[in-house]
Amino acid sequence: MTKSPDAAISHDDFEQLIGELVAPNAAIAVAVSGGADSMALCLLTNSWARRNGAPMAALTVDHDLRQTSVAETSQVAEWMAGFGIAHTVLKWAGPKPQTGIQAAARDARYALMTRWCRNNGFATLLVAHHRDDQAETYLMRLNRGSGPNGLAGMSAATERHEVRIVRPLLGVPKSRLVSTCRALRQTWIDDPSNRDPRYARTHARSHLEAQNNGAVIAEKTRSYGIARAARDREVCALLKTAATEYAGGFVRLNWQTLAEAPDDVGTGALARVLCRVSGASHGPPTNKLAALHRAVTRGLIATRSLHRCLAMPQTDGHILIFREPRNLPTVPIEAGSQFTWDRRFLVALDPGSNLDGVTVGPLGHKGWRQIRDRAGFALPTFPTQMCYAVPALFHQDQVISAPNLGVPGKMSGFAAQFSPTLSLLPHPFAVVSPDETPIFRETKSAKTLETSVLAEFGGDFGPFANG
């Protein structure tokens, strides 16, 4: 689909963009901040959903980071009501971190929206990331020394907390989204954080605006994405035969099968397991991952740690990978509440529970000793150390329930489901068709482009860790 970079997106254009990624009758939620990008996506999706008879809802997250946040979410709600679009505002409550605020806000935003989707029967969430966002992501990852997987940028379709996240506009420049809003006579809200010099993404955005090479960089990410999609399929096939997952949040991995796979596939599989077990959305540093992969495929002889995980060798050709029992949160839980604990478990306390003053925290060694001798508790066949990072419901220092180990607790109403950000088996990386054919400069090979881009940044990204 080759279009002018300033042409509004027509309904036919959008039908083609979303048709590659979403079934016509899928129940769709759309993330709407009120910016031009998300407003264009929401209005295009609304038209598409009405034509296809598909359920649609709009979700807005109030991060409570600016004094204007309430007024902004109210404005979005007014716009949605005017179009007859079902709309829900989700609030990020509680204290905010002093550092890494953008990353924390992103995690909170996705947790809130995916939880709403699960609870309301929406399997797909659309987000308005576009070609300029993709190019910014590439530059930031290039600056951090990411490998080929990282340089593929964002996938057009992925999964978080068992909800499919779809980015139908990933091949479309922002200028077309602005033109779409203007064509629809729809105003929007400008987010001042997009120009905040504290953030690395702001510097990447400034570079793209100055160099006007977003199309070239987007094509680079697409090339990396095609290669990553092929690797993902191989990683998925390997994990189906080599890995077994348990409800307690740990994985048993056949290291001999892992050793027989090509190195890039084996390291990809190992990274996926580490992400799944730790709850992380991104893998560990490439050099540390490669070192662990070498140790594992040569027959691991001692327990190793990486990415908040421990890898423990067994005598039967397997290794056990489980969450390292440290830096685990203990938080209060009230009847009727539901939240993600340690980025790994979806925990909930039944609305009818009469328990008061209870907390969710790691079972730990002391908790394990409490439940070990309880009548009817079957001792696990795996090392007890693996149980220490499993969530448990406590009243003061007493374990009431640890459902993932078969300790439900009478009438506690406490449930814990292992549900990290990423699934164990990766969905193959999705690559969208380019919006326009980029013109490559004659003298710039792939490697030359990467080198020149880094030189043009002049090290400005160094101090800005929050992207």
Protein backbone atom coordinates (compact mmCIF):
# COMPACT_ATOMS: atom_id res chain seq x y z
CA MET A 1 0.00 0.00 0.00
CA THR A 2 2.01 2.96 -1.29
CA LYS A 3 0.56 6.30 -0.22
CA SER A 4 1.66 9.88 0.17
CA PRO A 5 3.16 10.40 3.66
CA ASP A 6 0.50 13.07 4.28
CA ALA A 7 -2.55 11.24 2.89
CA ALA A 8 -5.41 10.52 5.27
CA ILE A 9 -6.15 6.82 5.86
CA SER A 10 -9.31 5.79 4.06
CA HIS A 11 -11.68 3.10 5.29
CA ASP A 12 -10.42 0.81 2.52
CA ASP A 13 -6.82 1.48 3.58
CA PHE A 14 -7.64 0.53 7.16
CA GLU A 15 -9.52 -2.57 6.06
CA GLN A 16 -6.30 -3.72 4.42
CA LEU A 17 -4.13 -2.79 7.42
CA ILE A 18 -6.25 -4.52 10.04
CA GLY A 19 -7.30 -7.42 7.82
CA GLU A 20 -3.76 -8.82 7.96
CA LEU A 21 -3.97 -9.10 11.74
CA VAL A 22 -7.56 -9.36 13.05
CA ALA A 23 -10.55 -11.57 12.23
CA PRO A 24 -13.55 -9.55 10.95
CA ASN A 25 -15.83 -10.42 13.89
CA ALA A 26 -13.22 -10.20 16.67
CA ALA A 27 -14.19 -8.38 19.89
CA ILE A 28 -11.75 -5.47 19.96
CA ALA A 29 -10.68 -3.00 22.64
CA VAL A 30 -8.77 0.10 21.54
CA ALA A 31 -6.27 1.97 23.73
CA VAL A 32 -7.18 5.67 23.47
CA SER A 33 -5.05 8.34 25.15
CA GLY A 34 -6.64 11.22 23.25
CA GLY A 35 -3.57 11.92 21.09
CA ALA A 36 -3.81 12.13 17.32
CA ASP A 37 -2.47 8.59 16.86
CA SER A 38 -4.96 6.85 19.13
CA MET A 39 -7.90 9.03 18.06
CA ALA A 40 -7.28 8.16 14.41
CA LEU A 41 -7.02 4.46 15.28
CA CYS A 42 -10.17 4.56 17.41
CA LEU A 43 -12.34 6.28 14.80
CA LEU A 44 -11.11 4.05 11.99
CA THR A 45 -11.70 0.96 14.15
CA ASN A 46 -15.18 2.16 15.08
CA SER A 47 -16.13 2.42 11.42
CA TRP A 48 -14.58 -0.98 10.67
CA ALA A 49 -16.35 -2.62 13.65
CA ARG A 50 -19.74 -1.23 12.64
CA ARG A 51 -19.33 -2.52 9.08
CA ASN A 52 -18.30 -5.97 10.32
CA GLY A 53 -20.68 -6.24 13.29
CA ALA A 54 -17.75 -6.63 15.68
CA PRO A 55 -17.95 -5.64 19.37
CA MET A 56 -15.69 -2.67 20.19
CA ALA A 57 -14.75 -0.74 23.33
CA ALA A 58 -12.32 2.10 24.04
CA LEU A 59 -10.01 2.13 27.08
CA THR A 60 -8.26 5.18 28.51
CA VAL A 61 -5.71 4.95 31.32
CA ASP A 62 -5.41 7.83 33.77
CA HIS A 63 -1.80 7.55 34.95
CA ASP A 64 -2.34 10.31 37.53
CA LEU A 65 1.04 11.83 36.61
CA ARG A 66 -0.17 15.30 35.57
CA GLN A 67 -2.63 17.71 37.10
CA THR A 68 -4.46 17.76 33.77
CA SER A 69 -5.01 13.97 33.64
CA VAL A 70 -8.60 14.07 34.92
CA ALA A 71 -9.57 16.80 32.46
CA GLU A 72 -7.90 14.88 29.61
CA THR A 73 -9.67 11.59 30.36
CA SER A 74 -12.96 13.48 30.69
CA GLN A 75 -12.39 15.02 27.26
CA VAL A 76 -11.75 11.58 25.74
CA ALA A 77 -14.90 10.25 27.43
CA GLU A 78 -16.90 13.11 25.90
CA TRP A 79 -15.52 12.36 22.43
CA MET A 80 -16.29 8.64 22.79
CA ALA A 81 -19.84 9.36 23.93
CA GLY A 82 -20.33 11.57 20.89
CA PHE A 83 -19.45 8.65 18.60
CA GLY A 84 -21.47 6.13 20.59
CA ILE A 85 -18.35 4.16 21.55
CA ALA A 86 -18.39 2.23 24.84
CA HIS A 87 -15.64 3.76 26.94
CA THR A 88 -13.93 2.90 30.23
CA VAL A 89 -11.37 4.93 32.19
CA LEU A 90 -8.83 2.85 34.13
CA LYS A 91 -6.82 4.57 36.87
CA TRP A 92 -3.24 3.81 37.84
CA ALA A 93 -3.58 4.28 41.57
CA GLY A 94 -1.00 4.25 44.33
CA PRO A 95 2.55 5.62 44.71
CA LYS A 96 4.64 6.17 41.58
CA PRO A 97 8.35 5.33 41.22
CA GLN A 98 10.92 8.12 41.30
CA THR A 99 12.93 6.62 38.43
CA GLY A 100 12.01 4.66 35.31
CA ILE A 101 8.61 6.33 35.26
CA GLN A 102 7.90 5.77 31.56
CA ALA A 103 8.65 2.04 31.77
CA ALA A 104 6.60 1.72 34.98
CA ALA A 105 3.70 3.62 33.41
CA ARG A 106 3.82 1.39 30.33
CA ASP A 107 3.74 -1.79 32.46
CA ALA A 108 0.87 -0.43 34.56
CA ARG A 109 -1.04 0.66 31.46
CA TYR A 110 -0.84 -2.76 29.83
CA ALA A 111 -1.65 -4.56 33.09
CA LEU A 112 -4.80 -2.46 33.57
CA MET A 113 -5.98 -2.79 29.97
CA THR A 114 -5.27 -6.50 29.56
CA ARG A 115 -6.98 -7.25 32.89
CA TRP A 116 -10.05 -5.35 31.70
CA CYS A 117 -9.97 -7.26 28.41
CA ARG A 118 -9.78 -10.65 30.14
CA ASN A 119 -12.57 -9.78 32.55
CA ASN A 120 -14.86 -8.50 29.79
CA GLY A 121 -14.30 -11.08 27.06
CA PHE A 122 -12.14 -9.01 24.69
CA ALA A 123 -9.28 -11.11 23.33
CA THR A 124 -7.69 -8.34 21.22
CA LEU A 125 -6.35 -4.93 22.19
CA LEU A 126 -5.39 -2.43 19.47
CA VAL A 127 -2.66 0.12 20.16
CA ALA A 128 -1.66 3.03 17.91
CA HIS A 129 2.10 2.56 17.56
CA HIS A 130 3.11 3.77 14.10
CA ARG A 131 6.13 3.81 11.80
CA ASP A 132 7.82 6.72 13.59
CA ASP A 133 7.50 4.87 16.92
CA GLN A 134 9.07 1.82 15.31
CA ALA A 135 11.99 3.87 14.01
CA GLU A 136 12.50 5.44 17.46
CA THR A 137 12.53 1.99 19.05
CA TYR A 138 15.15 0.82 16.54
CA LEU A 139 17.40 3.80 17.27
CA MET A 140 17.13 3.39 21.04
CA ARG A 141 17.91 -0.32 20.85
CA LEU A 142 20.75 0.24 18.42
CA ASN A 143 22.23 2.72 20.85
CA ARG A 144 21.97 0.15 23.66
CA GLY A 145 23.75 -2.50 21.58
CA SER A 146 20.74 -4.74 20.94
CA GLY A 147 21.15 -7.80 18.74
CA PRO A 148 19.08 -8.75 15.67
CA ASN A 149 15.97 -9.65 17.69
CA GLY A 150 15.92 -6.27 19.40
CA LEU A 151 16.54 -4.40 16.17
CA ALA A 152 13.39 -5.96 14.73
CA GLY A 153 11.56 -3.42 16.89
CA MET A 154 7.95 -4.01 17.85
CA SER A 155 5.91 -6.89 16.52
CA ALA A 156 2.65 -6.01 14.78
CA ALA A 157 0.98 -8.67 16.93
CA THR A 158 2.09 -10.05 20.26
CA GLU A 159 0.62 -11.22 23.53
CA ARG A 160 0.56 -9.81 27.04
CA HIS A 161 -1.17 -11.51 29.94
CA GLU A 162 -3.09 -13.78 27.53
CA VAL A 163 -4.47 -10.84 25.52
CA ARG A 164 -3.42 -10.29 21.90
CA ILE A 165 -1.85 -6.86 21.38
CA VAL A 166 -2.19 -5.69 17.76
CA ARG A 167 -0.48 -2.71 16.10
CA PRO A 168 -2.17 -2.29 12.70
CA LEU A 169 -0.56 1.14 12.06
CA LEU A 170 3.05 0.04 12.50
CA GLY A 171 3.86 0.63 8.85
CA VAL A 172 2.11 4.02 8.68
CA PRO A 173 3.88 7.36 9.35
CA LYS A 174 2.47 9.63 12.04
CA SER A 175 1.81 12.35 9.45
CA ARG A 176 -0.94 10.20 7.94
CA LEU A 177 -2.62 9.79 11.33
CA VAL A 178 -2.62 13.54 11.86
CA SER A 179 -4.10 13.98 8.38
CA THR A 180 -6.75 11.37 9.21
CA CYS A 181 -7.86 13.29 12.31
CA ARG A 182 -8.02 16.50 10.28
CA ALA A 183 -10.02 14.83 7.54
CA LEU A 184 -12.47 13.57 10.16
CA ARG A 185 -12.49 17.03 11.81
CA GLN A 186 -11.37 15.44 15.06
CA THR A 187 -9.20 17.41 17.48
CA TRP A 188 -6.74 15.74 19.84
CA ILE A 189 -4.68 16.21 23.00
CA ASP A 190 -0.93 16.84 22.84
CA ASP A 191 1.08 15.00 25.50
CA PRO A 192 3.85 17.29 26.83
CA SER A 193 5.96 14.29 27.91
CA ASN A 194 6.61 13.60 24.21
CA ARG A 195 8.95 16.62 24.26
CA ASP A 196 10.48 16.01 27.70
CA PRO A 197 14.30 16.02 27.26
CA ARG A 198 14.74 13.63 30.20
CA TYR A 199 13.63 10.72 28.05
CA ALA A 200 15.69 8.89 25.45
CA ARG A 201 12.69 8.53 23.16
CA THR A 202 12.48 12.34 22.90
CA HIS A 203 16.05 12.44 21.57
CA ALA A 204 15.33 9.65 19.09
CA ARG A 205 12.27 11.56 17.90
CA SER A 206 14.31 14.74 17.42
CA HIS A 207 16.87 12.82 15.39
CA LEU A 208 14.23 11.38 13.08
CA GLU A 209 12.67 14.79 12.54
CA ALA A 210 16.06 16.31 11.71
CA GLN A 211 17.25 13.50 9.42
CA ASN A 212 13.90 12.57 7.85
CA ASN A 213 15.05 8.96 7.48
CA GLY A 214 12.17 7.20 9.22
CA ALA A 215 11.18 5.25 6.10
CA VAL A 216 14.71 3.90 5.63
CA ILE A 217 14.99 2.85 9.28
CA ALA A 218 11.52 1.28 9.21
CA GLU A 219 12.57 -0.90 6.30
CA LYS A 220 15.63 -1.96 8.30
CA THR A 221 13.46 -3.08 11.20
CA ARG A 222 11.23 -4.92 8.74
CA SER A 223 14.22 -6.90 7.43
CA TYR A 224 15.22 -7.83 10.96
CA GLY A 225 11.58 -8.67 11.71
CA ILE A 226 11.32 -11.15 8.84
CA ALA A 227 14.43 -12.96 10.13
CA ARG A 228 13.08 -12.90 13.68
CA ALA A 229 9.76 -14.40 12.60
CA ALA A 230 11.60 -17.40 11.16
CA ARG A 231 13.61 -17.80 14.39
CA ASP A 232 10.48 -17.54 16.51
CA ARG A 233 8.90 -20.44 14.66
CA GLU A 234 12.00 -22.58 15.32
CA VAL A 235 12.10 -21.51 18.98
CA CYS A 236 8.45 -22.45 19.38
CA ALA A 237 9.03 -25.90 17.87
CA LEU A 238 12.04 -26.46 20.15
CA LEU A 239 10.20 -25.47 23.32
CA LYS A 240 7.28 -27.76 22.49
CA THR A 241 9.65 -30.73 22.77
CA ALA A 242 12.17 -29.50 25.35
CA ALA A 243 10.19 -27.57 27.99
CA THR A 244 7.53 -28.45 30.57
CA GLU A 245 5.86 -25.72 32.63
CA TYR A 246 4.36 -26.11 36.10
CA ALA A 247 1.62 -24.16 37.87
CA GLY A 248 4.13 -22.99 40.46
CA GLY A 249 5.82 -20.86 37.82
CA PHE A 250 8.84 -22.98 36.99
CA VAL A 251 10.04 -24.81 33.89
CA ARG A 252 11.82 -28.13 33.37
CA LEU A 253 14.09 -27.97 30.34
CA ASN A 254 15.82 -30.80 28.50
CA TRP A 255 19.32 -29.40 28.03
CA GLN A 256 20.38 -32.15 25.61
CA THR A 257 17.57 -31.22 23.21
CA LEU A 258 18.58 -27.59 23.64
CA ALA A 259 22.21 -28.45 22.78
CA GLU A 260 21.18 -30.12 19.51
CA ALA A 261 19.51 -26.93 18.24
CA PRO A 262 21.39 -24.16 16.38
CA ASP A 263 22.87 -21.65 18.82
CA ASP A 264 20.57 -18.78 17.85
CA VAL A 265 17.50 -20.98 18.29
CA GLY A 266 18.77 -22.44 21.56
CA THR A 267 19.58 -19.06 23.05
CA GLY A 268 16.19 -17.79 21.87
CA ALA A 269 14.46 -20.66 23.65
CA LEU A 270 16.47 -20.11 26.82
CA ALA A 271 15.68 -16.39 26.77
CA ARG A 272 11.97 -17.14 26.38
CA VAL A 273 12.02 -19.46 29.40
CA LEU A 274 13.86 -16.86 31.50
CA CYS A 275 11.31 -14.20 30.54
CA ARG A 276 8.40 -16.49 31.31
CA VAL A 277 9.73 -17.55 34.70
CA SER A 278 10.89 -14.08 35.80
CA GLY A 279 7.86 -12.21 34.45
CA ALA A 280 10.07 -9.95 32.35
CA SER A 281 9.00 -8.71 28.93
CA HIS A 282 12.55 -8.56 27.54
CA GLY A 283 15.42 -11.02 27.69
CA PRO A 284 18.75 -10.66 29.51
CA PRO A 285 21.86 -9.01 28.00
CA THR A 286 23.12 -10.94 24.98
CA ASN A 287 26.55 -11.74 26.41
CA LYS A 288 25.15 -13.06 29.70
CA LEU A 289 22.54 -15.14 27.88
CA ALA A 290 25.21 -16.63 25.61
CA ALA A 291 27.35 -17.54 28.64
CA LEU A 292 24.46 -19.34 30.34
CA HIS A 293 23.57 -21.11 27.09
CA ARG A 294 27.14 -22.39 26.77
CA ALA A 295 27.10 -23.64 30.36
CA VAL A 296 23.72 -25.34 29.96
CA THR A 297 24.46 -27.05 26.65
CA ARG A 298 27.79 -28.39 27.96
CA GLY A 299 26.05 -30.02 30.91
CA LEU A 300 25.45 -27.56 33.73
CA ILE A 301 27.19 -28.74 36.90
CA ALA A 302 26.25 -26.00 39.36
CA THR A 303 23.26 -23.70 39.85
CA ARG A 304 23.55 -20.43 37.92
CA SER A 305 21.55 -17.22 38.23
CA LEU A 306 20.39 -14.84 35.50
CA HIS A 307 17.44 -12.53 34.92
CA ARG A 308 15.95 -13.07 38.42
CA CYS A 309 16.02 -16.82 37.77
CA LEU A 310 18.02 -19.81 39.00
CA ALA A 311 18.99 -22.64 36.65
CA MET A 312 19.54 -25.84 38.65
CA PRO A 313 21.00 -28.99 37.04
CA GLN A 314 19.34 -32.38 37.54
CA THR A 315 20.74 -35.87 37.07
CA ASP A 316 18.27 -36.90 34.36
CA GLY A 317 19.38 -34.63 31.49
CA HIS A 318 17.20 -31.71 32.56
CA ILE A 319 17.61 -28.38 34.27
CA LEU A 320 15.03 -26.66 36.43
CA ILE A 321 14.52 -22.93 35.95
CA PHE A 322 12.66 -21.06 38.66
CA ARG A 323 12.29 -17.59 40.13
CA GLU A 324 15.13 -16.52 42.38
CA PRO A 325 13.68 -16.15 45.91
CA ARG A 326 14.74 -12.56 46.53
CA ASN A 327 13.32 -9.06 46.00
CA LEU A 328 9.79 -10.45 46.13
CA PRO A 329 6.94 -8.14 47.19
CA THR A 330 4.58 -8.53 50.12
CA VAL A 331 1.40 -6.51 49.57
CA PRO A 332 -2.01 -6.29 51.28
CA ILE A 333 -5.02 -7.76 49.54
CA GLU A 334 -8.67 -7.02 50.21
CA ALA A 335 -11.82 -9.01 49.43
CA GLY A 336 -12.83 -8.51 45.80
CA SER A 337 -9.43 -7.25 44.65
CA GLN A 338 -7.36 -8.68 41.82
CA PHE A 339 -3.85 -7.74 40.67
CA THR A 340 -0.62 -9.07 39.19
CA TRP A 341 1.91 -10.10 41.83
CA ASP A 342 5.63 -9.99 41.00
CA ARG A 343 4.78 -9.64 37.28
CA ARG A 344 4.06 -13.40 37.27
CA PHE A 345 0.86 -14.37 39.06
CA LEU A 346 -2.66 -13.03 38.73
CA VAL A 347 -3.91 -13.13 42.33
CA ALA A 348 -7.45 -12.54 43.59
CA LEU A 349 -9.40 -12.70 46.83
CA ASP A 350 -13.07 -13.65 46.55
CA PRO A 351 -15.50 -10.75 47.16
CA GLY A 352 -17.26 -12.90 49.76
CA SER A 353 -14.11 -13.54 51.78
CA ASN A 354 -14.32 -12.46 55.42
CA LEU A 355 -10.55 -12.38 55.85
CA ASP A 356 -9.13 -9.10 57.08
CA GLY A 357 -5.55 -7.86 57.39
CA VAL A 358 -4.15 -10.44 54.97
CA THR A 359 -1.21 -10.07 52.59
CA VAL A 360 0.17 -11.80 49.50
CA GLY A 361 3.88 -12.57 49.60
CA PRO A 362 6.44 -15.25 48.77
CA LEU A 363 6.02 -18.55 50.61
CA GLY A 364 9.69 -18.51 51.60
CA HIS A 365 11.52 -21.03 53.76
CA LYS A 366 9.46 -20.25 56.88
CA GLY A 367 6.19 -20.63 55.02
CA TRP A 368 7.38 -23.88 53.49
CA ARG A 369 8.13 -25.27 56.94
CA GLN A 370 4.60 -24.36 58.04
CA ILE A 371 2.82 -26.20 55.23
CA ARG A 372 5.25 -29.12 55.05
CA ASP A 373 3.71 -30.97 57.97
CA ARG A 374 0.06 -30.18 57.29
CA ALA A 375 -2.24 -33.16 57.03
CA GLY A 376 -3.08 -34.08 53.47
CA PHE A 377 -0.26 -32.05 51.89
CA ALA A 378 1.66 -34.07 49.32
CA LEU A 379 5.34 -33.22 49.26
CA PRO A 380 6.53 -32.15 45.79
CA THR A 381 9.05 -34.29 43.96
CA PHE A 382 11.16 -31.29 42.93
CA PRO A 383 13.62 -29.34 45.12
CA THR A 384 11.82 -27.41 47.85
CA GLN A 385 13.85 -24.28 47.06
CA MET A 386 11.69 -23.90 43.95
CA CYS A 387 8.63 -23.32 46.18
CA TYR A 388 10.01 -20.30 48.02
CA ALA A 389 9.01 -17.76 45.34
CA VAL A 390 5.45 -19.09 44.93
CA PRO A 391 2.73 -16.66 46.17
CA ALA A 392 0.98 -17.40 49.44
CA LEU A 393 -1.78 -15.75 51.43
CA PHE A 394 -0.67 -14.76 54.93
CA HIS A 395 -2.36 -13.52 58.06
CA GLN A 396 0.46 -11.98 60.04
CA ASP A 397 3.14 -14.68 59.80
CA GLN A 398 0.83 -17.63 59.25
CA VAL A 399 0.27 -19.21 55.84
CA ILE A 400 -3.43 -19.44 55.05
CA SER A 401 -3.21 -20.62 51.45
CA ALA A 402 -0.67 -21.51 48.76
CA PRO A 403 -2.93 -22.79 45.95
CA ASN A 404 -0.16 -23.36 43.40
CA LEU A 405 1.30 -26.01 45.71
CA GLY A 406 -2.04 -27.66 46.52
CA VAL A 407 -2.63 -25.78 49.77
CA PRO A 408 -5.98 -24.08 49.09
CA GLY A 409 -6.82 -23.00 52.63
CA LYS A 410 -10.34 -23.59 53.91
CA MET A 411 -12.77 -20.85 52.90
CA SER A 412 -9.91 -18.48 52.04
CA GLY A 413 -11.23 -17.62 48.58
CA PHE A 414 -7.64 -16.93 47.45
CA ALA A 415 -6.61 -17.80 43.89
CA ALA A 416 -3.27 -17.42 42.11
CA GLN A 417 -2.79 -18.13 38.40
CA PHE A 418 0.63 -18.18 36.76
CA SER A 419 0.14 -15.51 34.09
CA PRO A 420 3.33 -13.58 33.21
CA THR A 421 3.56 -10.99 30.46
CA LEU A 422 4.81 -13.46 27.84
CA SER A 423 3.58 -16.94 27.00
CA LEU A 424 6.08 -19.81 27.00
CA LEU A 425 5.59 -20.52 23.30
CA PRO A 426 6.24 -17.37 21.28
CA HIS A 427 3.81 -16.18 18.67
CA PRO A 428 5.93 -15.64 15.55
CA PHE A 429 7.02 -12.03 15.13
CA ALA A 430 4.49 -10.23 12.92
CA VAL A 431 5.74 -7.91 10.19
CA VAL A 432 3.40 -5.46 8.48
CA SER A 433 3.54 -4.45 4.84
CA PRO A 434 5.39 -1.16 4.31
CA ASP A 435 3.22 1.91 3.83
CA GLU A 436 5.52 3.26 1.16
CA THR A 437 8.63 2.05 -0.63
CA PRO A 438 11.67 3.66 1.01
CA ILE A 439 14.48 5.02 -1.12
CA PHE A 440 17.82 3.78 0.14
CA ARG A 441 20.80 6.09 -0.20
CA GLU A 442 23.29 4.48 -2.57
CA THR A 443 26.27 4.59 -0.22
CA LYS A 444 24.56 3.29 2.90
CA SER A 445 24.65 -0.45 3.46
CA ALA A 446 22.89 -1.90 6.50
CA LYS A 447 26.04 -1.72 8.61
CA THR A 448 26.91 1.75 7.34
CA LEU A 449 23.44 2.98 8.26
CA GLU A 450 23.81 1.69 11.81
CA THR A 451 27.25 3.25 12.20
CA SER A 452 26.19 6.61 10.79
CA VAL A 453 23.07 6.75 12.94
CA LEU A 454 25.10 6.17 16.09
CA ALA A 455 27.60 8.82 15.03
CA GLU A 456 24.81 11.32 14.43
CA PHE A 457 23.51 10.82 17.97
CA GLY A 458 26.88 11.86 19.32
CA GLY A 459 26.34 9.94 22.57
CA ASP A 460 23.34 12.04 23.56
CA PHE A 461 21.39 8.95 24.63
CA GLY A 462 23.88 7.93 27.32
CA PRO A 463 22.40 9.69 30.36
CA PHE A 464 18.77 8.99 29.45
CA ALA A 465 17.85 5.53 30.66
CA ASN A 466 14.07 5.94 30.64
CA GLY A 467 12.50 5.26 27.27
